[in-house]
């Protein structure tokens, strides 16, 4: 009897600051596993939250994170700046993982649009994979915009030299890659839109409570939002309404200690059933990261978005602007954030209709798995 070998995928994921990349990558991994692909999930970050990988093998590289939102300094597992010896260990570990998986498809999250700091290991991986496996990039709907023609040229050349596909996890009716990447026309033949990667189907609920939910994603840069939200609560129309704050696992401990919960305010780190909590909330207050926005749309939750915009970050601001223009959410730019501006936006959110995401394509996980399976079959 002939046994058909499952096509193998090597999925490289390197998150540096938040936890959104991991959550989206985990959803993609589950979808690939469900489609019959055998995934080796190669993680280069810290695994603060145990994500469901659908039975995929987790291969942990020596972990790294960024020291701050500027992304200029990498720290190793002991909190020390990385050096050439650490890079050599990482490179060897990554190439060993490639040899062990022997993939039909190499899927790389963000690179070469992002994670350029990891060229020391990713270019050797691409050289090893070229001609032996299909190569695809996994990127979110909107990229951080850079006015750097030389950088754009390098990204285009790298994609056209190594890659077989660029899978954009978004809906082109909402935003196209060209909206945030100047070189999109030069890689048009590689681009495949998957739709948005959402955490399950839309939740339907007939009644909501009066709880306000404040969340900071991974929490690494969420301190100012959490503090301002607490200061805004007494200025809202229901200062006695229950509020629940989620700090995320990466909020610095000093900032966590400084948060003082008034009566009626609950402070938690993380909740596995976050979407269930959102679906019962009156209003959500959060940043505008990819996964957070997907959760808000899936649960049809009225929300105020305060997009992260430090250190030249443009991705969240563009996403928030697009969705606000469509009437989905209220937005307070980070530069304008104050207790008064946030309280006013909360009132607008209370009065606005809930977002209706019916026209948005949320089939991104399954469609991405289909694209990867087609690339594997093409091998």
Protein backbone atom coordinates (compact mmCIF):
# COMPACT_ATOMS: atom_id res chain seq x y z
CA UNK A 1 0.00 0.00 0.00
CA UNK A 2 1.32 3.45 -0.92
CA UNK A 3 1.40 6.00 1.90
CA UNK A 4 1.08 9.61 0.76
CA UNK A 5 3.53 11.88 2.50
CA UNK A 6 2.06 14.98 4.10
CA UNK A 7 3.47 18.17 2.61
CA UNK A 8 5.73 19.89 5.11
CA UNK A 9 5.80 23.60 5.96
CA UNK A 10 8.47 25.46 7.89
CA UNK A 11 6.86 28.55 9.44
CA UNK A 12 9.33 31.12 10.81
CA UNK A 13 7.79 33.55 13.32
CA UNK A 14 9.76 36.27 15.13
CA UNK A 15 7.77 38.63 17.32
CA UNK A 16 9.65 41.39 19.09
CA UNK A 17 7.28 43.62 21.06
CA UNK A 18 3.62 42.61 21.10
CA UNK A 19 1.94 39.22 20.97
CA UNK A 20 -0.24 39.81 17.90
CA UNK A 21 2.15 38.18 15.45
CA UNK A 22 2.07 34.98 17.49
CA UNK A 23 -1.72 34.90 17.70
CA UNK A 24 -2.13 35.36 13.94
CA UNK A 25 0.64 32.85 13.19
CA UNK A 26 -0.99 30.32 15.51
CA UNK A 27 -4.32 30.68 13.70
CA UNK A 28 -2.55 30.16 10.36
CA UNK A 29 -0.75 27.12 11.75
CA UNK A 30 -3.98 25.54 12.98
CA UNK A 31 -5.53 26.08 9.54
CA UNK A 32 -2.55 24.51 7.78
CA UNK A 33 -2.63 21.53 10.12
CA UNK A 34 -6.38 21.13 9.55
CA UNK A 35 -5.76 21.08 5.81
CA UNK A 36 -3.37 18.15 6.22
CA UNK A 37 -0.10 20.02 6.05
CA UNK A 38 2.62 19.13 8.55
CA UNK A 39 3.91 22.35 10.09
CA UNK A 40 7.15 22.99 11.92
CA UNK A 41 6.54 26.25 13.79
CA UNK A 42 9.92 27.89 14.33
CA UNK A 43 9.68 30.57 17.02
CA UNK A 44 12.38 33.16 17.53
CA UNK A 45 10.59 35.12 20.25
CA UNK A 46 9.52 34.60 23.83
CA UNK A 47 6.40 32.50 24.30
CA UNK A 48 4.64 34.50 27.02
CA UNK A 49 1.30 32.95 26.09
CA UNK A 50 0.87 29.31 25.10
CA UNK A 51 -0.91 29.42 21.74
CA UNK A 52 -2.77 26.44 20.27
CA UNK A 53 -0.76 25.27 17.26
CA UNK A 54 -3.17 22.50 16.25
CA UNK A 55 -0.64 19.76 16.84
CA UNK A 56 2.22 21.39 14.93
CA UNK A 57 5.76 20.87 16.15
CA UNK A 58 7.15 23.88 18.03
CA UNK A 59 10.85 24.51 17.45
CA UNK A 60 12.24 27.21 19.73
CA UNK A 61 15.28 29.20 18.63
CA UNK A 62 17.38 31.10 21.18
CA UNK A 63 14.79 33.81 21.91
CA UNK A 64 15.09 37.52 21.27
CA UNK A 65 12.99 40.60 21.94
CA UNK A 66 13.44 44.30 21.34
CA UNK A 67 14.55 46.51 24.20
CA UNK A 68 11.93 49.16 23.36
CA UNK A 69 9.63 50.51 20.67
CA UNK A 70 12.54 51.84 18.59
CA UNK A 71 13.52 48.23 17.67
CA UNK A 72 17.18 49.26 17.64
CA UNK A 73 18.51 46.88 20.31
CA UNK A 74 17.87 43.14 20.50
CA UNK A 75 17.98 41.38 23.87
CA UNK A 76 18.64 37.67 24.36
CA UNK A 77 16.99 35.28 26.81
CA UNK A 78 18.98 36.72 29.72
CA UNK A 79 18.12 40.31 28.84
CA UNK A 80 21.58 41.05 27.43
CA UNK A 81 22.19 42.76 24.07
CA UNK A 82 22.80 40.17 21.38
CA UNK A 83 26.23 39.82 19.81
CA UNK A 84 27.95 38.04 16.92
CA UNK A 85 28.28 34.80 18.88
CA UNK A 86 24.56 34.80 19.65
CA UNK A 87 23.78 35.45 15.97
CA UNK A 88 25.97 32.52 14.99
CA UNK A 89 24.10 30.21 17.41
CA UNK A 90 20.76 31.39 16.07
CA UNK A 91 21.82 30.95 12.44
CA UNK A 92 23.04 27.40 13.08
CA UNK A 93 19.85 26.53 15.00
CA UNK A 94 17.65 27.88 12.20
CA UNK A 95 19.52 26.01 9.47
CA UNK A 96 19.42 22.84 11.59
CA UNK A 97 15.63 23.28 11.84
CA UNK A 98 15.41 23.62 8.06
CA UNK A 99 17.36 20.40 7.59
CA UNK A 100 15.21 18.57 10.17
CA UNK A 101 11.89 19.69 8.71
CA UNK A 102 12.95 19.30 5.06
CA UNK A 103 10.04 21.53 4.05
CA UNK A 104 8.14 21.72 0.82
CA UNK A 105 7.26 25.32 1.68
CA UNK A 106 9.13 27.87 3.77
CA UNK A 107 6.73 30.50 5.14
CA UNK A 108 8.36 33.55 6.73
CA UNK A 109 6.39 36.01 8.81
CA UNK A 110 7.03 39.73 8.00
CA UNK A 111 10.38 39.41 6.17
CA UNK A 112 11.61 41.08 4.03
CA UNK A 113 9.14 43.92 4.73
CA UNK A 114 10.06 43.72 8.40
CA UNK A 115 12.52 41.81 10.61
CA UNK A 116 15.43 43.07 8.52
CA UNK A 117 17.52 42.97 11.67
CA UNK A 118 17.43 39.16 11.22
CA UNK A 119 19.04 39.14 7.78
CA UNK A 120 22.04 37.42 9.39
CA UNK A 121 19.97 34.22 9.59
CA UNK A 122 17.16 34.69 7.09
CA UNK A 123 19.30 35.27 4.02
CA UNK A 124 21.22 32.03 4.67
CA UNK A 125 17.86 30.27 5.18
CA UNK A 126 16.59 31.62 1.86
CA UNK A 127 19.79 30.53 0.13
CA UNK A 128 19.36 27.03 1.57
CA UNK A 129 15.69 26.85 0.59
CA UNK A 130 15.92 28.31 -2.91
CA UNK A 131 15.46 25.57 -5.45
CA UNK A 132 14.46 23.05 -2.78
CA UNK A 133 11.23 24.53 -1.37
CA UNK A 134 8.63 27.09 -2.34
CA UNK A 135 9.10 30.31 -0.38
CA UNK A 136 6.33 32.64 0.78
CA UNK A 137 6.07 35.76 2.93
CA UNK A 138 3.25 36.19 5.44
CA UNK A 139 2.37 39.85 6.02
CA UNK A 140 -0.47 41.73 7.65
CA UNK A 141 -2.89 44.04 5.85
CA UNK A 142 -0.97 47.28 6.46
CA UNK A 143 2.78 47.81 6.78
CA UNK A 144 4.72 50.52 8.58
CA UNK A 145 5.39 53.15 5.91
CA UNK A 146 8.98 54.22 5.27
CA UNK A 147 10.10 57.04 3.00
CA UNK A 148 13.25 55.18 1.98
CA UNK A 149 13.56 54.33 -1.73
CA UNK A 150 16.74 52.31 -1.17
CA UNK A 151 15.01 50.13 1.44
CA UNK A 152 12.01 49.65 -0.85
CA UNK A 153 14.30 48.67 -3.73
CA UNK A 154 16.06 46.08 -1.53
CA UNK A 155 12.74 44.56 -0.44
CA UNK A 156 11.54 44.29 -4.05
CA UNK A 157 14.82 42.73 -5.20
CA UNK A 158 14.79 40.23 -2.33
CA UNK A 159 11.21 39.21 -3.04
CA UNK A 160 11.72 38.81 -6.77
CA UNK A 161 14.94 36.83 -6.25
CA UNK A 162 13.76 34.38 -3.59
CA UNK A 163 10.00 34.35 -3.10
CA UNK A 164 7.18 32.56 -4.88
CA UNK A 165 4.33 34.38 -3.12
CA UNK A 166 3.53 37.25 -0.78
CA UNK A 167 0.42 36.33 1.21
CA UNK A 168 -1.27 39.50 2.46
CA UNK A 169 -3.64 38.78 5.33
CA UNK A 170 -6.18 41.42 4.45
CA UNK A 171 -9.13 42.29 2.25
CA UNK A 172 -8.17 44.43 -0.78
CA UNK A 173 -11.59 46.09 -0.59
CA UNK A 174 -10.42 47.54 2.75
CA UNK A 175 -6.71 48.13 2.10
CA UNK A 176 -4.27 47.00 -0.56
CA UNK A 177 -0.57 46.39 -0.06
CA UNK A 178 0.10 49.36 -2.30
CA UNK A 179 -1.58 51.65 0.21
CA UNK A 180 1.36 51.22 2.60
CA UNK A 181 4.19 49.81 0.45
CA UNK A 182 5.55 51.90 -2.40
CA UNK A 183 7.03 48.92 -4.25
CA UNK A 184 3.82 46.90 -4.52
CA UNK A 185 3.51 47.34 -8.30
CA UNK A 186 6.95 45.78 -8.80
CA UNK A 187 5.89 42.56 -7.02
CA UNK A 188 2.31 42.43 -8.28
CA UNK A 189 2.75 38.91 -9.64
CA UNK A 190 3.62 37.58 -6.19
CA UNK A 191 0.80 39.13 -4.17
CA UNK A 192 -2.02 36.88 -2.95
CA UNK A 193 -4.74 38.31 -0.68
CA UNK A 194 -6.04 35.81 1.85
CA UNK A 195 -8.67 37.87 3.63
CA UNK A 196 -8.32 38.75 7.30
CA UNK A 197 -7.21 36.13 9.80
CA UNK A 198 -9.82 36.18 12.57
CA UNK A 199 -10.18 34.18 15.74
CA UNK A 200 -13.27 32.15 14.86
CA UNK A 201 -16.58 33.14 13.24
CA UNK A 202 -18.48 36.29 14.22
CA UNK A 203 -20.12 36.01 17.63
CA UNK A 204 -23.77 36.97 17.91
CA UNK A 205 -25.18 38.17 21.18
CA UNK A 206 -28.62 39.65 21.85
CA UNK A 207 -27.78 41.63 24.98
CA UNK A 208 -24.79 43.48 26.35
CA UNK A 209 -23.95 44.62 29.83
CA UNK A 210 -22.58 47.99 30.92
CA UNK A 211 -18.96 46.88 31.44
CA UNK A 212 -16.20 48.86 29.71
CA UNK A 213 -13.18 46.78 28.68
CA UNK A 214 -9.74 48.36 28.36
CA UNK A 215 -6.99 46.25 26.81
CA UNK A 216 -3.36 46.86 25.96
CA UNK A 217 -2.51 43.88 23.74
CA UNK A 218 0.81 42.44 24.87
CA UNK A 219 1.19 45.44 27.15
CA UNK A 220 4.78 46.42 26.38
CA UNK A 221 3.72 49.92 25.29
CA UNK A 222 0.25 50.00 26.86
CA UNK A 223 1.00 51.87 30.09
CA UNK A 224 -0.07 55.37 28.95
CA UNK A 225 -3.38 54.08 27.57
CA UNK A 226 -4.19 52.15 30.76
CA UNK A 227 -3.35 55.12 33.00
CA UNK A 228 -5.33 57.54 30.88
CA UNK A 229 -8.32 55.22 30.80
CA UNK A 230 -8.41 55.07 34.60
CA UNK A 231 -8.25 58.86 34.73
CA UNK A 232 -11.06 59.14 32.14
CA UNK A 233 -13.51 56.87 33.98
CA UNK A 234 -14.78 59.55 36.44
CA UNK A 235 -15.46 61.86 33.46
CA UNK A 236 -17.77 59.42 31.66
CA UNK A 237 -21.57 59.39 31.85
CA UNK A 238 -21.45 56.24 34.01
CA UNK A 239 -18.50 56.73 36.36
CA UNK A 240 -19.80 53.86 38.50
CA UNK A 241 -20.06 51.36 35.62
CA UNK A 242 -17.83 48.29 35.94
CA UNK A 243 -14.54 48.52 34.09
CA UNK A 244 -12.12 45.69 33.38
CA UNK A 245 -8.50 46.36 32.38
CA UNK A 246 -6.29 43.78 30.67
CA UNK A 247 -2.64 44.75 30.95
CA UNK A 248 -1.12 42.03 28.75
CA UNK A 249 1.84 39.88 29.87
CA UNK A 250 4.54 42.38 28.87
CA UNK A 251 3.49 45.48 30.79
CA UNK A 252 6.57 46.54 32.80
CA UNK A 253 6.16 45.57 36.43
CA UNK A 254 6.65 49.13 37.68
CA UNK A 255 3.75 50.30 35.51
CA UNK A 256 1.60 47.38 36.63
CA UNK A 257 2.16 48.28 40.30
CA UNK A 258 1.35 51.94 39.59
CA UNK A 259 -2.16 51.08 38.30
CA UNK A 260 -4.60 51.76 41.13
CA UNK A 261 -7.97 50.08 40.77
CA UNK A 262 -10.84 52.25 41.99
CA UNK A 263 -14.04 50.58 43.25
CA UNK A 264 -15.71 48.85 40.33
CA UNK A 265 -12.45 48.41 38.38
CA UNK A 266 -10.88 44.98 37.86
CA UNK A 267 -7.29 44.63 36.62
CA UNK A 268 -6.21 41.37 34.98
CA UNK A 269 -3.23 40.30 32.91
CA UNK A 270 -4.81 38.05 30.28
CA UNK A 271 -7.99 36.07 29.66
CA UNK A 272 -8.25 33.04 27.39
CA UNK A 273 -11.90 33.85 26.56
CA UNK A 274 -11.29 37.49 25.68
CA UNK A 275 -13.77 37.47 22.79
CA UNK A 276 -16.53 36.26 25.08
CA UNK A 277 -15.80 39.19 27.37
CA UNK A 278 -15.81 41.63 24.45
CA UNK A 279 -19.11 40.27 23.14
CA UNK A 280 -20.79 41.23 26.43
CA UNK A 281 -19.09 44.62 26.84
CA UNK A 282 -20.73 47.99 26.33
CA UNK A 283 -17.56 49.60 24.93
CA UNK A 284 -13.94 48.57 24.36
CA UNK A 285 -10.91 50.85 24.62
CA UNK A 286 -7.70 49.60 23.01
CA UNK A 287 -4.92 50.22 20.56
CA UNK A 288 -5.47 49.33 16.88
CA UNK A 289 -3.34 46.26 16.37
CA UNK A 290 -4.40 43.69 13.77
CA UNK A 291 -5.71 41.04 16.16
CA UNK A 292 -7.42 43.49 18.47
CA UNK A 293 -9.35 44.99 15.57
CA UNK A 294 -10.29 41.52 14.31
CA UNK A 295 -11.64 40.65 17.77
CA UNK A 296 -13.68 43.85 17.88
CA UNK A 297 -15.19 43.23 14.45
CA UNK A 298 -15.88 39.56 15.15
CA UNK A 299 -17.73 40.47 18.35
CA UNK A 300 -19.38 43.58 16.87
CA UNK A 301 -18.20 45.64 19.81
CA UNK A 302 -18.47 49.42 19.98
CA UNK A 303 -14.95 50.67 20.50
CA UNK A 304 -12.51 53.53 20.89
CA UNK A 305 -9.17 52.96 19.16
CA UNK A 306 -6.01 54.75 20.32
CA UNK A 307 -3.48 53.61 17.69
CA UNK A 308 0.12 53.12 18.75
CA UNK A 309 2.15 55.74 16.90
CA UNK A 310 5.51 56.07 18.69
CA UNK A 311 8.90 55.79 16.99
CA UNK A 312 7.53 56.38 13.48
CA UNK A 313 4.91 53.61 13.63
CA UNK A 314 2.16 54.27 11.06
CA UNK A 315 0.44 50.90 10.69
CA UNK A 316 -2.12 51.21 13.49
CA UNK A 317 -2.95 54.83 12.68
CA UNK A 318 -3.71 53.97 9.05
CA UNK A 319 -5.83 50.95 10.04
CA UNK A 320 -7.77 52.99 12.60
CA UNK A 321 -8.38 55.80 10.10
CA UNK A 322 -9.68 53.42 7.44
CA UNK A 323 -12.09 51.74 9.85
CA UNK A 324 -13.24 55.01 11.39
CA UNK A 325 -14.01 56.40 7.93
CA UNK A 326 -16.24 53.37 7.36
CA UNK A 327 -18.07 54.11 10.58
CA UNK A 328 -16.87 51.10 12.53
CA UNK A 329 -15.04 52.73 15.45
CA UNK A 330 -14.16 55.97 17.24
CA UNK A 331 -10.51 57.06 17.17
CA UNK A 332 -8.36 59.18 19.47
CA UNK A 333 -4.87 59.81 18.01
CA UNK A 334 -2.14 58.97 20.49
CA UNK A 335 -0.84 62.56 20.33
CA UNK A 336 -4.28 63.84 21.42
CA UNK A 337 -4.84 61.31 24.20
CA UNK A 338 -6.05 62.80 27.47
CA UNK A 339 -8.67 61.82 30.05
CA UNK A 340 -11.02 64.39 28.52
CA UNK A 341 -10.56 63.34 24.89
CA UNK A 342 -10.90 59.67 25.81
CA UNK A 343 -14.05 60.24 27.87
CA UNK A 344 -15.62 62.16 24.94
CA UNK A 345 -14.77 59.31 22.54
CA UNK A 346 -16.27 56.76 24.94
CA UNK A 347 -19.52 58.75 24.89
CA UNK A 348 -19.49 58.79 21.06
CA UNK A 349 -18.93 55.04 21.05
CA UNK A 350 -21.90 54.48 23.39
CA UNK A 351 -24.12 56.38 20.97
CA UNK A 352 -22.79 54.84 17.75
CA UNK A 353 -24.24 51.69 16.16
CA UNK A 354 -22.19 48.52 16.64
CA UNK A 355 -19.83 47.69 13.76
CA UNK A 356 -21.27 45.42 11.08
CA UNK A 357 -18.43 43.44 9.45
CA UNK A 358 -20.63 41.53 7.01
CA UNK A 359 -18.88 43.00 3.95
CA UNK A 360 -15.34 42.09 5.11
CA UNK A 361 -13.54 38.89 4.11
CA UNK A 362 -12.50 37.04 7.28
CA UNK A 363 -11.55 33.73 5.64
CA UNK A 364 -7.84 34.49 5.88
CA UNK A 365 -6.68 31.45 7.82
CA UNK A 366 -8.34 28.86 5.59
CA UNK A 367 -7.45 30.72 2.39
CA UNK A 368 -3.81 31.07 3.47
CA UNK A 369 -3.66 27.32 4.12
CA UNK A 370 -5.09 26.74 0.64
CA UNK A 371 -2.42 28.96 -0.93
CA UNK A 372 0.34 27.16 0.98
CA UNK A 373 -1.05 23.77 -0.04
CA UNK A 374 -1.04 24.89 -3.69
CA UNK A 375 2.58 26.02 -3.37
CA UNK A 376 3.48 22.64 -1.85
CA UNK A 377 1.68 20.80 -4.64
CA UNK A 378 3.56 22.89 -7.18
CA UNK A 379 6.79 21.49 -5.80
